[in-house]
Amino acid sequence: MKATAQAHPIQGLVKYHGMRDETLRLPYHDSISVCTAPSRTVTTAEFEPDRAADRYVVDGEVLEGRGAERIDAVVDRVRDLADIDHRVRFESENSFRTNIGFGSSSSGFAAAAMALTAAAGLELSRPEVSTIARRGSSSAARAVTGAFSHLRTGLNDRDCRSERIDVPESIADDLRIVAGLVPAYKETEQAHAEAAESHMFEARTAHVTGQIAELRDALYEGDFDRAFELAEHDSLSLAATTMTGPAGWVYWQPRTIEIFNAVRQLREDEGVPAYFSVDTGASVYVNTTTEHAETVADAVADCGVETEIWRVGGPARILGGDEALF
């Protein structure tokens, strides 16, 4: 059977860093994110009994090497659960720029997991599908459940799965995410692999538990400023940890910091509710409200970067056959 799915990428609010199990991609600690729309990944998958080998195509490129291995982990889990041994044809397209810090692996593996499970005839809840997507990318688990989601750490699929957070409309409907595209290629796997070697790692993991509780509480209360100030601070905490690992990863570029300063100036001088956020990359998210989105976008654009305005995206979902990629 053929199936097509879409998923939206995530912006990490309290971000995970490092994995206690690289095969199952079990993170050291919990994480919370919000999906960004209309940016999306669309994936079509079909298990074919007569196919000789798996074929993965992403944005028109046939994947090999490590990229293919990561998809293998998701495909093999689906085959195990469905008790089939058919090879798969798999094609995926992104509507946004990838590998610049905007969560393409999250939407990519979330859409893959949704399409593959449907193509294999599995009927699973989204939290269950999130455990499959996690094998490609831990952040993909949260892209499966969508909107504001919480991935809990654990040592098995019962514990390490994503769940939606109930957030009032005052945040979910009013949030606008101004994306500042800073085109610097990034690769996160080595940074995750060496995370625990940073002398700041233990401090971060001790701090994150409190951050998770604070952020959930702020979201429940609809406290926009408290929620996204926490996300801004977590971005700095994450960077401090990656920068002090053995490789001394520095993802930020001059325009990244220029955007930080512009956002803080808007907030401090003009009272605009705007808070920057970055994952492991140079590109910047700025969280603001509908009322101020254009003002913030203009300020970010003045830093010499492309901008887009996104909203909160929903969960990964199956699409109709008319949207299939083959």
C-alpha atoms as a PDB file:
ATOM      1  CA  MET A   1       0.000   0.000   0.000  1.00  0.00           C
ATOM      2  CA  LYS A   2       1.115   3.552  -0.717  1.00  0.00           C
ATOM      3  CA  ALA A   3       0.688   6.375   1.819  1.00  0.00           C
ATOM      4  CA  THR A   4       1.604  10.065   1.911  1.00  0.00           C
ATOM      5  CA  ALA A   5       2.062  12.152   5.053  1.00  0.00           C
ATOM      6  CA  GLN A   6       3.084  15.647   6.059  1.00  0.00           C
ATOM      7  CA  ALA A   7       4.711  17.024   9.188  1.00  0.00           C
ATOM      8  CA  HIS A   8       5.803  20.458  10.333  1.00  0.00           C
ATOM      9  CA  PRO A   9       9.309  21.123  11.689  1.00  0.00           C
ATOM     10  CA  ILE A  10       9.854  22.062  15.318  1.00  0.00           C
ATOM     11  CA  GLN A  11      11.370  24.980  17.144  1.00  0.00           C
ATOM     12  CA  GLY A  12      12.959  23.755  20.356  1.00  0.00           C
ATOM     13  CA  LEU A  13      11.815  25.720  23.408  1.00  0.00           C
ATOM     14  CA  VAL A  14      13.589  23.606  26.004  1.00  0.00           C
ATOM     15  CA  LYS A  15      15.962  21.667  23.794  1.00  0.00           C
ATOM     16  CA  TYR A  16      17.472  18.234  24.251  1.00  0.00           C
ATOM     17  CA  HIS A  17      21.217  17.817  23.900  1.00  0.00           C
ATOM     18  CA  GLY A  18      23.008  14.503  23.801  1.00  0.00           C
ATOM     19  CA  MET A  19      21.766  10.916  23.753  1.00  0.00           C
ATOM     20  CA  ARG A  20      22.196   8.151  26.297  1.00  0.00           C
ATOM     21  CA  ASP A  21      21.511   5.620  23.512  1.00  0.00           C
ATOM     22  CA  GLU A  22      22.506   6.612  19.985  1.00  0.00           C
ATOM     23  CA  THR A  23      20.784   3.650  18.307  1.00  0.00           C
ATOM     24  CA  LEU A  24      17.366   4.231  19.874  1.00  0.00           C
ATOM     25  CA  ARG A  25      18.112   7.970  20.115  1.00  0.00           C
ATOM     26  CA  LEU A  26      17.085   8.175  23.751  1.00  0.00           C
ATOM     27  CA  PRO A  27      17.910  11.689  24.999  1.00  0.00           C
ATOM     28  CA  TYR A  28      19.480  12.427  28.357  1.00  0.00           C
ATOM     29  CA  HIS A  29      16.628  14.709  29.382  1.00  0.00           C
ATOM     30  CA  ASP A  30      13.123  15.911  28.509  1.00  0.00           C
ATOM     31  CA  SER A  31      12.435  18.536  25.841  1.00  0.00           C
ATOM     32  CA  ILE A  32       9.575  20.785  24.707  1.00  0.00           C
ATOM     33  CA  SER A  33       8.989  22.295  21.279  1.00  0.00           C
ATOM     34  CA  VAL A  34       6.438  24.004  19.071  1.00  0.00           C
ATOM     35  CA  CYS A  35       5.786  23.082  15.435  1.00  0.00           C
ATOM     36  CA  THR A  36       6.075  25.791  12.781  1.00  0.00           C
ATOM     37  CA  ALA A  37       3.655  26.094   9.848  1.00  0.00           C
ATOM     38  CA  PRO A  38       3.178  26.376   6.928  1.00  0.00           C
ATOM     39  CA  SER A  39       6.739  25.014   6.530  1.00  0.00           C
ATOM     40  CA  ARG A  40       6.371  21.268   6.058  1.00  0.00           C
ATOM     41  CA  THR A  41       7.824  18.006   4.805  1.00  0.00           C
ATOM     42  CA  VAL A  42       5.718  15.755   2.562  1.00  0.00           C
ATOM     43  CA  THR A  43       6.689  12.083   2.229  1.00  0.00           C
ATOM     44  CA  THR A  44       5.278   9.227   0.178  1.00  0.00           C
ATOM     45  CA  ALA A  45       6.181   5.627   0.990  1.00  0.00           C
ATOM     46  CA  GLU A  46       5.226   2.293  -0.533  1.00  0.00           C
ATOM     47  CA  PHE A  47       6.343  -1.220   0.429  1.00  0.00           C
ATOM     48  CA  GLU A  48       6.747  -3.201  -2.804  1.00  0.00           C
ATOM     49  CA  PRO A  49       7.044  -7.014  -2.693  1.00  0.00           C
ATOM     50  CA  ASP A  50       8.977  -7.143  -5.977  1.00  0.00           C
ATOM     51  CA  ARG A  51      11.433  -4.342  -5.183  1.00  0.00           C
ATOM     52  CA  ALA A  52      15.051  -5.513  -4.808  1.00  0.00           C
ATOM     53  CA  ALA A  53      16.352  -2.702  -2.578  1.00  0.00           C
ATOM     54  CA  ASP A  54      15.132   0.256  -0.555  1.00  0.00           C
ATOM     55  CA  ARG A  55      15.283   3.591  -2.394  1.00  0.00           C
ATOM     56  CA  TYR A  56      15.225   6.909  -0.553  1.00  0.00           C
ATOM     57  CA  VAL A  57      14.917  10.212  -2.408  1.00  0.00           C
ATOM     58  CA  VAL A  58      14.868  13.535  -0.533  1.00  0.00           C
ATOM     59  CA  ASP A  59      14.416  16.810  -2.414  1.00  0.00           C
ATOM     60  CA  GLY A  60      15.320  15.019  -5.636  1.00  0.00           C
ATOM     61  CA  GLU A  61      18.540  13.484  -4.295  1.00  0.00           C
ATOM     62  CA  VAL A  62      19.040   9.752  -3.811  1.00  0.00           C
ATOM     63  CA  LEU A  63      20.324   9.279  -0.277  1.00  0.00           C
ATOM     64  CA  GLU A  64      23.276   7.085   0.563  1.00  0.00           C
ATOM     65  CA  GLY A  65      25.641   6.733   3.514  1.00  0.00           C
ATOM     66  CA  ARG A  66      24.642   8.150   6.874  1.00  0.00           C
ATOM     67  CA  GLY A  67      21.503   9.821   5.543  1.00  0.00           C
ATOM     68  CA  ALA A  68      20.187   6.493   4.294  1.00  0.00           C
ATOM     69  CA  GLU A  69      21.211   4.724   7.505  1.00  0.00           C
ATOM     70  CA  ARG A  70      19.058   7.072   9.572  1.00  0.00           C
ATOM     71  CA  ILE A  71      16.021   6.331   7.403  1.00  0.00           C
ATOM     72  CA  ASP A  72      16.860   2.614   7.630  1.00  0.00           C
ATOM     73  CA  ALA A  73      16.378   2.819  11.397  1.00  0.00           C
ATOM     74  CA  VAL A  74      12.797   4.037  10.946  1.00  0.00           C
ATOM     75  CA  VAL A  75      11.967   1.707   8.052  1.00  0.00           C
ATOM     76  CA  ASP A  76      13.347  -1.348   9.857  1.00  0.00           C
ATOM     77  CA  ARG A  77      11.299  -0.577  12.974  1.00  0.00           C
ATOM     78  CA  VAL A  78       8.135  -0.367  10.872  1.00  0.00           C
ATOM     79  CA  ARG A  79       8.990  -3.647   9.138  1.00  0.00           C
ATOM     80  CA  ASP A  80       9.501  -5.311  12.514  1.00  0.00           C
ATOM     81  CA  LEU A  81       6.179  -4.058  13.891  1.00  0.00           C
ATOM     82  CA  ALA A  82       4.269  -4.988  10.724  1.00  0.00           C
ATOM     83  CA  ASP A  83       6.105  -8.327  10.350  1.00  0.00           C
ATOM     84  CA  ILE A  84       6.914  -7.710   6.694  1.00  0.00           C
ATOM     85  CA  ASP A  85      10.141  -7.874   4.722  1.00  0.00           C
ATOM     86  CA  HIS A  86       9.239  -5.868   1.603  1.00  0.00           C
ATOM     87  CA  ARG A  87      11.622  -3.221   0.302  1.00  0.00           C
ATOM     88  CA  VAL A  88      10.334   0.359   0.225  1.00  0.00           C
ATOM     89  CA  ARG A  89      10.165   3.194  -2.270  1.00  0.00           C
ATOM     90  CA  PHE A  90      10.387   6.479  -0.371  1.00  0.00           C
ATOM     91  CA  GLU A  91      10.327  10.071  -1.600  1.00  0.00           C
ATOM     92  CA  SER A  92      10.291  13.250   0.461  1.00  0.00           C
ATOM     93  CA  GLU A  93      10.142  16.988  -0.267  1.00  0.00           C
ATOM     94  CA  ASN A  94      10.653  19.995   1.995  1.00  0.00           C
ATOM     95  CA  SER A  95       8.943  23.348   1.515  1.00  0.00           C
ATOM     96  CA  PHE A  96      11.725  25.192   3.370  1.00  0.00           C
ATOM     97  CA  ARG A  97      15.523  25.415   3.437  1.00  0.00           C
ATOM     98  CA  THR A  98      17.189  22.522   5.215  1.00  0.00           C
ATOM     99  CA  ASN A  99      20.356  22.092   7.324  1.00  0.00           C
ATOM    100  CA  ILE A 100      20.393  25.719   8.487  1.00  0.00           C
ATOM    101  CA  GLY A 101      18.819  25.250  11.919  1.00  0.00           C
ATOM    102  CA  PHE A 102      15.089  25.071  11.169  1.00  0.00           C
ATOM    103  CA  GLY A 103      14.342  21.508  12.259  1.00  0.00           C
ATOM    104  CA  SER A 104      14.218  19.724   8.906  1.00  0.00           C
ATOM    105  CA  SER A 105      15.170  16.386  10.480  1.00  0.00           C
ATOM    106  CA  SER A 106      12.183  16.663  12.827  1.00  0.00           C
ATOM    107  CA  SER A 107       9.576  17.091  10.094  1.00  0.00           C
ATOM    108  CA  GLY A 108      11.439  14.701   7.812  1.00  0.00           C
ATOM    109  CA  PHE A 109      11.412  11.731  10.153  1.00  0.00           C
ATOM    110  CA  ALA A 110       7.934  12.546  11.506  1.00  0.00           C
ATOM    111  CA  ALA A 111       6.459  12.509   7.994  1.00  0.00           C
ATOM    112  CA  ALA A 112       8.458   9.357   7.242  1.00  0.00           C
ATOM    113  CA  ALA A 113       7.142   7.533  10.303  1.00  0.00           C
ATOM    114  CA  MET A 114       3.538   8.514   9.565  1.00  0.00           C
ATOM    115  CA  ALA A 115       3.734   7.508   5.895  1.00  0.00           C
ATOM    116  CA  LEU A 116       5.597   4.264   6.559  1.00  0.00           C
ATOM    117  CA  THR A 117       3.281   3.058   9.327  1.00  0.00           C
ATOM    118  CA  ALA A 118       0.225   3.774   7.163  1.00  0.00           C
ATOM    119  CA  ALA A 119       1.818   2.082   4.137  1.00  0.00           C
ATOM    120  CA  ALA A 120       2.521  -0.996   6.278  1.00  0.00           C
ATOM    121  CA  GLY A 121      -1.082  -1.131   7.485  1.00  0.00           C
ATOM    122  CA  LEU A 122      -0.271  -0.320  11.115  1.00  0.00           C
ATOM    123  CA  GLU A 123      -2.895   1.480  13.213  1.00  0.00           C
ATOM    124  CA  LEU A 124      -1.009   3.378  15.901  1.00  0.00           C
ATOM    125  CA  SER A 125      -1.624   6.435  18.057  1.00  0.00           C
ATOM    126  CA  ARG A 126       0.566   9.462  17.450  1.00  0.00           C
ATOM    127  CA  PRO A 127       2.506   8.914  20.709  1.00  0.00           C
ATOM    128  CA  GLU A 128       3.215   5.379  19.454  1.00  0.00           C
ATOM    129  CA  VAL A 129       4.287   6.695  16.047  1.00  0.00           C
ATOM    130  CA  SER A 130       6.509   9.204  17.860  1.00  0.00           C
ATOM    131  CA  THR A 131       8.626   6.340  19.209  1.00  0.00           C
ATOM    132  CA  ILE A 132       9.281   5.212  15.620  1.00  0.00           C
ATOM    133  CA  ALA A 133      10.117   8.707  14.363  1.00  0.00           C
ATOM    134  CA  ARG A 134      12.482   9.121  17.333  1.00  0.00           C
ATOM    135  CA  ARG A 135      14.752   6.446  15.877  1.00  0.00           C
ATOM    136  CA  GLY A 136      15.601   8.865  13.078  1.00  0.00           C
ATOM    137  CA  SER A 137      15.705  12.041  15.168  1.00  0.00           C
ATOM    138  CA  SER A 138      14.648  12.642  18.772  1.00  0.00           C
ATOM    139  CA  SER A 139      13.070  15.955  17.778  1.00  0.00           C
ATOM    140  CA  ALA A 140      10.918  14.142  15.202  1.00  0.00           C
ATOM    141  CA  ALA A 141       8.948  12.531  18.026  1.00  0.00           C
ATOM    142  CA  ARG A 142       7.588  15.972  18.931  1.00  0.00           C
ATOM    143  CA  ALA A 143       6.824  16.793  15.286  1.00  0.00           C
ATOM    144  CA  VAL A 144       4.547  13.738  15.188  1.00  0.00           C
ATOM    145  CA  THR A 145       2.315  14.965  18.010  1.00  0.00           C
ATOM    146  CA  GLY A 146       2.598  18.571  16.806  1.00  0.00           C
ATOM    147  CA  ALA A 147       1.830  22.041  18.177  1.00  0.00           C
ATOM    148  CA  PHE A 148       3.357  22.320  21.677  1.00  0.00           C
ATOM    149  CA  SER A 149       4.732  18.878  22.577  1.00  0.00           C
ATOM    150  CA  HIS A 150       6.826  17.327  25.336  1.00  0.00           C
ATOM    151  CA  LEU A 151       9.210  14.419  24.744  1.00  0.00           C
ATOM    152  CA  ARG A 152      10.000  12.610  27.959  1.00  0.00           C
ATOM    153  CA  THR A 153      13.283  10.858  28.449  1.00  0.00           C
ATOM    154  CA  GLY A 154      13.369   7.178  29.305  1.00  0.00           C
ATOM    155  CA  LEU A 155      15.000   3.846  28.561  1.00  0.00           C
ATOM    156  CA  ASN A 156      12.188   2.355  26.457  1.00  0.00           C
ATOM    157  CA  ASP A 157       9.343   3.225  24.112  1.00  0.00           C
ATOM    158  CA  ARG A 158       6.762   3.253  26.885  1.00  0.00           C
ATOM    159  CA  ASP A 159       8.490   6.166  28.566  1.00  0.00           C
ATOM    160  CA  CYS A 160      10.370   7.927  25.768  1.00  0.00           C
ATOM    161  CA  ARG A 161       7.485   9.176  23.648  1.00  0.00           C
ATOM    162  CA  SER A 162       5.925  12.531  22.851  1.00  0.00           C
ATOM    163  CA  GLU A 163       2.689  14.008  24.177  1.00  0.00           C
ATOM    164  CA  ARG A 164       0.779  17.190  23.335  1.00  0.00           C
ATOM    165  CA  ILE A 165       0.616  19.996  25.882  1.00  0.00           C
ATOM    166  CA  ASP A 166      -2.772  21.702  26.235  1.00  0.00           C
ATOM    167  CA  VAL A 167      -2.098  25.366  25.597  1.00  0.00           C
ATOM    168  CA  PRO A 168      -4.723  28.144  25.742  1.00  0.00           C
ATOM    169  CA  GLU A 169      -5.744  29.930  22.558  1.00  0.00           C
ATOM    170  CA  SER A 170      -4.146  33.130  23.844  1.00  0.00           C
ATOM    171  CA  ILE A 171      -0.774  31.584  22.990  1.00  0.00           C
ATOM    172  CA  ALA A 172      -1.553  28.902  20.407  1.00  0.00           C
ATOM    173  CA  ASP A 173      -3.506  31.225  18.081  1.00  0.00           C
ATOM    174  CA  ASP A 174      -1.621  34.462  18.706  1.00  0.00           C
ATOM    175  CA  LEU A 175       1.967  33.206  18.472  1.00  0.00           C
ATOM    176  CA  ARG A 176       3.868  34.257  15.375  1.00  0.00           C
ATOM    177  CA  ILE A 177       7.362  32.985  14.713  1.00  0.00           C
ATOM    178  CA  VAL A 178       9.578  35.261  12.653  1.00  0.00           C
ATOM    179  CA  ALA A 179      12.264  33.133  11.049  1.00  0.00           C
ATOM    180  CA  GLY A 180      15.565  34.806  10.241  1.00  0.00           C
ATOM    181  CA  LEU A 181      17.401  32.615   7.705  1.00  0.00           C
ATOM    182  CA  VAL A 182      21.146  32.688   8.298  1.00  0.00           C
ATOM    183  CA  PRO A 183      22.519  30.309   5.621  1.00  0.00           C
ATOM    184  CA  ALA A 184      25.275  28.461   7.442  1.00  0.00           C
ATOM    185  CA  TYR A 185      25.295  24.678   7.024  1.00  0.00           C
ATOM    186  CA  LYS A 186      25.264  22.760  10.279  1.00  0.00           C
ATOM    187  CA  GLU A 187      25.553  19.145  11.395  1.00  0.00           C
ATOM    188  CA  THR A 188      24.352  18.155  14.859  1.00  0.00           C
ATOM    189  CA  GLU A 189      25.226  14.474  15.242  1.00  0.00           C
ATOM    190  CA  GLN A 190      28.780  15.022  16.453  1.00  0.00           C
ATOM    191  CA  ALA A 191      27.628  17.705  18.861  1.00  0.00           C
ATOM    192  CA  HIS A 192      25.103  15.267  20.363  1.00  0.00           C
ATOM    193  CA  ALA A 193      27.704  12.499  20.484  1.00  0.00           C
ATOM    194  CA  GLU A 194      30.131  14.567  22.547  1.00  0.00           C
ATOM    195  CA  ALA A 195      27.535  16.400  24.669  1.00  0.00           C
ATOM    196  CA  ALA A 196      28.381  14.693  27.942  1.00  0.00           C
ATOM    197  CA  GLU A 197      32.051  15.669  27.607  1.00  0.00           C
ATOM    198  CA  SER A 198      31.333  19.364  28.151  1.00  0.00           C
ATOM    199  CA  HIS A 199      32.156  20.506  31.678  1.00  0.00           C
ATOM    200  CA  MET A 200      28.808  22.369  31.599  1.00  0.00           C
ATOM    201  CA  PHE A 201      26.728  19.327  30.669  1.00  0.00           C
ATOM    202  CA  GLU A 202      25.908  18.230  34.215  1.00  0.00           C
ATOM    203  CA  ALA A 203      24.884  21.771  35.115  1.00  0.00           C
ATOM    204  CA  ARG A 204      22.583  21.887  32.097  1.00  0.00           C
ATOM    205  CA  THR A 205      20.914  18.548  32.828  1.00  0.00           C
ATOM    206  CA  ALA A 206      20.381  19.585  36.457  1.00  0.00           C
ATOM    207  CA  HIS A 207      18.852  22.865  35.304  1.00  0.00           C
ATOM    208  CA  VAL A 208      16.607  21.468  32.563  1.00  0.00           C
ATOM    209  CA  THR A 209      14.177  19.681  34.898  1.00  0.00           C
ATOM    210  CA  GLY A 210      13.226  22.987  36.449  1.00  0.00           C
ATOM    211  CA  GLN A 211      13.045  24.653  33.029  1.00  0.00           C
ATOM    212  CA  ILE A 212      10.596  22.007  31.807  1.00  0.00           C
ATOM    213  CA  ALA A 213       8.318  22.532  34.804  1.00  0.00           C
ATOM    214  CA  GLU A 214       8.511  26.327  34.471  1.00  0.00           C
ATOM    215  CA  LEU A 215       7.726  26.270  30.772  1.00  0.00           C
ATOM    216  CA  ARG A 216       4.791  23.888  31.109  1.00  0.00           C
ATOM    217  CA  ASP A 217       3.368  26.099  33.843  1.00  0.00           C
ATOM    218  CA  ALA A 218       3.822  29.273  31.760  1.00  0.00           C
ATOM    219  CA  LEU A 219       2.108  27.623  28.792  1.00  0.00           C
ATOM    220  CA  TYR A 220      -0.804  26.395  30.918  1.00  0.00           C
ATOM    221  CA  GLU A 221      -1.242  29.912  32.293  1.00  0.00           C
ATOM    222  CA  GLY A 222      -1.025  31.540  28.863  1.00  0.00           C
ATOM    223  CA  ASP A 223       1.887  33.673  30.086  1.00  0.00           C
ATOM    224  CA  PHE A 224       3.508  34.596  26.769  1.00  0.00           C
ATOM    225  CA  ASP A 225       6.417  36.618  28.128  1.00  0.00           C
ATOM    226  CA  ARG A 226       7.424  34.070  30.751  1.00  0.00           C
ATOM    227  CA  ALA A 227       7.194  31.144  28.313  1.00  0.00           C
ATOM    228  CA  PHE A 228       9.312  32.660  25.563  1.00  0.00           C
ATOM    229  CA  GLU A 229      11.804  34.339  27.863  1.00  0.00           C
ATOM    230  CA  LEU A 230      12.481  30.826  29.168  1.00  0.00           C
ATOM    231  CA  ALA A 231      13.012  29.647  25.573  1.00  0.00           C
ATOM    232  CA  GLU A 232      15.448  32.499  24.964  1.00  0.00           C
ATOM    233  CA  HIS A 233      17.449  31.618  28.073  1.00  0.00           C
ATOM    234  CA  ASP A 234      17.463  27.933  27.132  1.00  0.00           C
ATOM    235  CA  SER A 235      18.969  28.818  23.753  1.00  0.00           C
ATOM    236  CA  LEU A 236      21.891  30.451  25.523  1.00  0.00           C
ATOM    237  CA  SER A 237      22.269  27.496  27.890  1.00  0.00           C
ATOM    238  CA  LEU A 238      22.377  25.065  24.966  1.00  0.00           C
ATOM    239  CA  ALA A 239      24.985  27.134  23.150  1.00  0.00           C
ATOM    240  CA  ALA A 240      27.155  27.325  26.262  1.00  0.00           C
ATOM    241  CA  THR A 241      27.157  23.520  26.411  1.00  0.00           C
ATOM    242  CA  THR A 242      27.903  22.942  22.720  1.00  0.00           C
ATOM    243  CA  MET A 243      30.643  25.584  22.724  1.00  0.00           C
ATOM    244  CA  THR A 244      32.427  23.944  25.649  1.00  0.00           C
ATOM    245  CA  GLY A 245      32.476  20.422  24.226  1.00  0.00           C
ATOM    246  CA  PRO A 246      35.691  18.904  22.833  1.00  0.00           C
ATOM    247  CA  ALA A 247      35.101  20.268  19.310  1.00  0.00           C
ATOM    248  CA  GLY A 248      34.142  23.735  20.573  1.00  0.00           C
ATOM    249  CA  TRP A 249      31.118  23.986  18.273  1.00  0.00           C
ATOM    250  CA  VAL A 250      30.176  27.586  17.452  1.00  0.00           C
ATOM    251  CA  TYR A 251      27.132  27.673  15.185  1.00  0.00           C
ATOM    252  CA  TRP A 252      26.323  31.358  15.449  1.00  0.00           C
ATOM    253  CA  GLN A 253      27.319  33.794  12.722  1.00  0.00           C
ATOM    254  CA  PRO A 254      27.673  37.608  12.983  1.00  0.00           C
ATOM    255  CA  ARG A 255      24.116  38.075  11.694  1.00  0.00           C
ATOM    256  CA  THR A 256      22.828  35.653  14.330  1.00  0.00           C
ATOM    257  CA  ILE A 257      24.100  37.937  17.071  1.00  0.00           C
ATOM    258  CA  GLU A 258      22.907  41.019  15.176  1.00  0.00           C
ATOM    259  CA  ILE A 259      19.386  39.579  15.268  1.00  0.00           C
ATOM    260  CA  PHE A 260      19.721  38.900  19.019  1.00  0.00           C
ATOM    261  CA  ASN A 261      20.624  42.548  19.597  1.00  0.00           C
ATOM    262  CA  ALA A 262      17.818  43.832  17.369  1.00  0.00           C
ATOM    263  CA  VAL A 263      15.259  41.717  19.236  1.00  0.00           C
ATOM    264  CA  ARG A 264      16.453  42.890  22.623  1.00  0.00           C
ATOM    265  CA  GLN A 265      16.360  46.497  21.458  1.00  0.00           C
ATOM    266  CA  LEU A 266      12.755  46.109  20.302  1.00  0.00           C
ATOM    267  CA  ARG A 267      11.833  44.630  23.658  1.00  0.00           C
ATOM    268  CA  GLU A 268      13.697  47.078  25.855  1.00  0.00           C
ATOM    269  CA  ASP A 269      13.198  50.320  23.914  1.00  0.00           C
ATOM    270  CA  GLU A 270       9.760  49.812  22.384  1.00  0.00           C
ATOM    271  CA  GLY A 271       8.111  47.269  24.678  1.00  0.00           C
ATOM    272  CA  VAL A 272       7.574  44.767  21.848  1.00  0.00           C
ATOM    273  CA  PRO A 273       6.996  41.205  23.137  1.00  0.00           C
ATOM    274  CA  ALA A 274       9.760  39.509  21.146  1.00  0.00           C
ATOM    275  CA  TYR A 275      12.156  36.759  22.234  1.00  0.00           C
ATOM    276  CA  PHE A 276      14.848  35.067  20.158  1.00  0.00           C
ATOM    277  CA  SER A 277      15.379  31.323  20.071  1.00  0.00           C
ATOM    278  CA  VAL A 278      17.944  29.158  18.290  1.00  0.00           C
ATOM    279  CA  ASP A 279      18.480  25.436  17.985  1.00  0.00           C
ATOM    280  CA  THR A 280      21.863  24.040  16.928  1.00  0.00           C
ATOM    281  CA  GLY A 281      22.323  26.384  13.987  1.00  0.00           C
ATOM    282  CA  ALA A 282      22.885  29.985  12.952  1.00  0.00           C
ATOM    283  CA  SER A 283      19.306  30.767  11.925  1.00  0.00           C
ATOM    284  CA  VAL A 284      17.055  32.479  14.451  1.00  0.00           C
ATOM    285  CA  TYR A 285      13.423  32.174  15.484  1.00  0.00           C
ATOM    286  CA  VAL A 286      11.817  35.232  17.037  1.00  0.00           C
ATOM    287  CA  ASN A 287       8.675  34.532  19.033  1.00  0.00           C
ATOM    288  CA  THR A 288       6.196  37.379  19.056  1.00  0.00           C
ATOM    289  CA  THR A 289       2.472  38.090  18.718  1.00  0.00           C
ATOM    290  CA  THR A 290       0.290  38.639  15.665  1.00  0.00           C
ATOM    291  CA  GLU A 291       0.079  42.363  16.422  1.00  0.00           C
ATOM    292  CA  HIS A 292       3.846  42.821  16.340  1.00  0.00           C
ATOM    293  CA  ALA A 293       4.877  40.230  13.725  1.00  0.00           C
ATOM    294  CA  GLU A 294       5.444  42.684  10.859  1.00  0.00           C
ATOM    295  CA  THR A 295       7.426  45.069  13.064  1.00  0.00           C
ATOM    296  CA  VAL A 296       9.653  42.224  14.221  1.00  0.00           C
ATOM    297  CA  ALA A 297      10.042  40.861  10.694  1.00  0.00           C
ATOM    298  CA  ASP A 298      11.159  44.296   9.463  1.00  0.00           C
ATOM    299  CA  ALA A 299      13.741  44.538  12.266  1.00  0.00           C
ATOM    300  CA  VAL A 300      15.093  41.076  11.492  1.00  0.00           C
ATOM    301  CA  ALA A 301      15.206  41.805   7.759  1.00  0.00           C
ATOM    302  CA  ASP A 302      17.194  44.961   8.497  1.00  0.00           C
ATOM    303  CA  CYS A 303      19.941  42.633   9.739  1.00  0.00           C
ATOM    304  CA  GLY A 304      20.427  41.541   6.130  1.00  0.00           C
ATOM    305  CA  VAL A 305      18.653  38.178   6.195  1.00  0.00           C
ATOM    306  CA  GLU A 306      15.614  36.610   4.563  1.00  0.00           C
ATOM    307  CA  THR A 307      12.596  36.403   6.832  1.00  0.00           C
ATOM    308  CA  GLU A 308       9.399  34.396   6.988  1.00  0.00           C
ATOM    309  CA  ILE A 309       6.481  34.584   9.398  1.00  0.00           C
ATOM    310  CA  TRP A 310       5.226  31.240  10.666  1.00  0.00           C
ATOM    311  CA  ARG A 311       2.431  30.144  12.997  1.00  0.00           C
ATOM    312  CA  VAL A 312       1.869  27.099  15.206  1.00  0.00           C
ATOM    313  CA  GLY A 313       1.685  23.867  13.187  1.00  0.00           C
ATOM    314  CA  GLY A 314      -0.437  20.838  13.966  1.00  0.00           C
ATOM    315  CA  PRO A 315       0.458  17.146  14.232  1.00  0.00           C
ATOM    316  CA  ALA A 316       1.804  14.947  11.466  1.00  0.00           C
ATOM    317  CA  ARG A 317      -1.047  13.618   9.345  1.00  0.00           C
ATOM    318  CA  ILE A 318      -1.898  11.422   6.385  1.00  0.00           C
ATOM    319  CA  LEU A 319      -2.661  13.236   3.122  1.00  0.00           C
ATOM    320  CA  GLY A 320      -4.893  12.265   0.239  1.00  0.00           C
ATOM    321  CA  GLY A 321      -3.646  10.312  -2.728  1.00  0.00           C
ATOM    322  CA  ASP A 322      -3.707  13.431  -4.915  1.00  0.00           C
ATOM    323  CA  GLU A 323      -0.732  14.763  -2.922  1.00  0.00           C
ATOM    324  CA  ALA A 324       1.431  11.655  -3.405  1.00  0.00           C
ATOM    325  CA  LEU A 325       4.935  12.320  -4.737  1.00  0.00           C
ATOM    326  CA  PHE A 326       4.859   9.265  -7.051  1.00  0.00           C
END
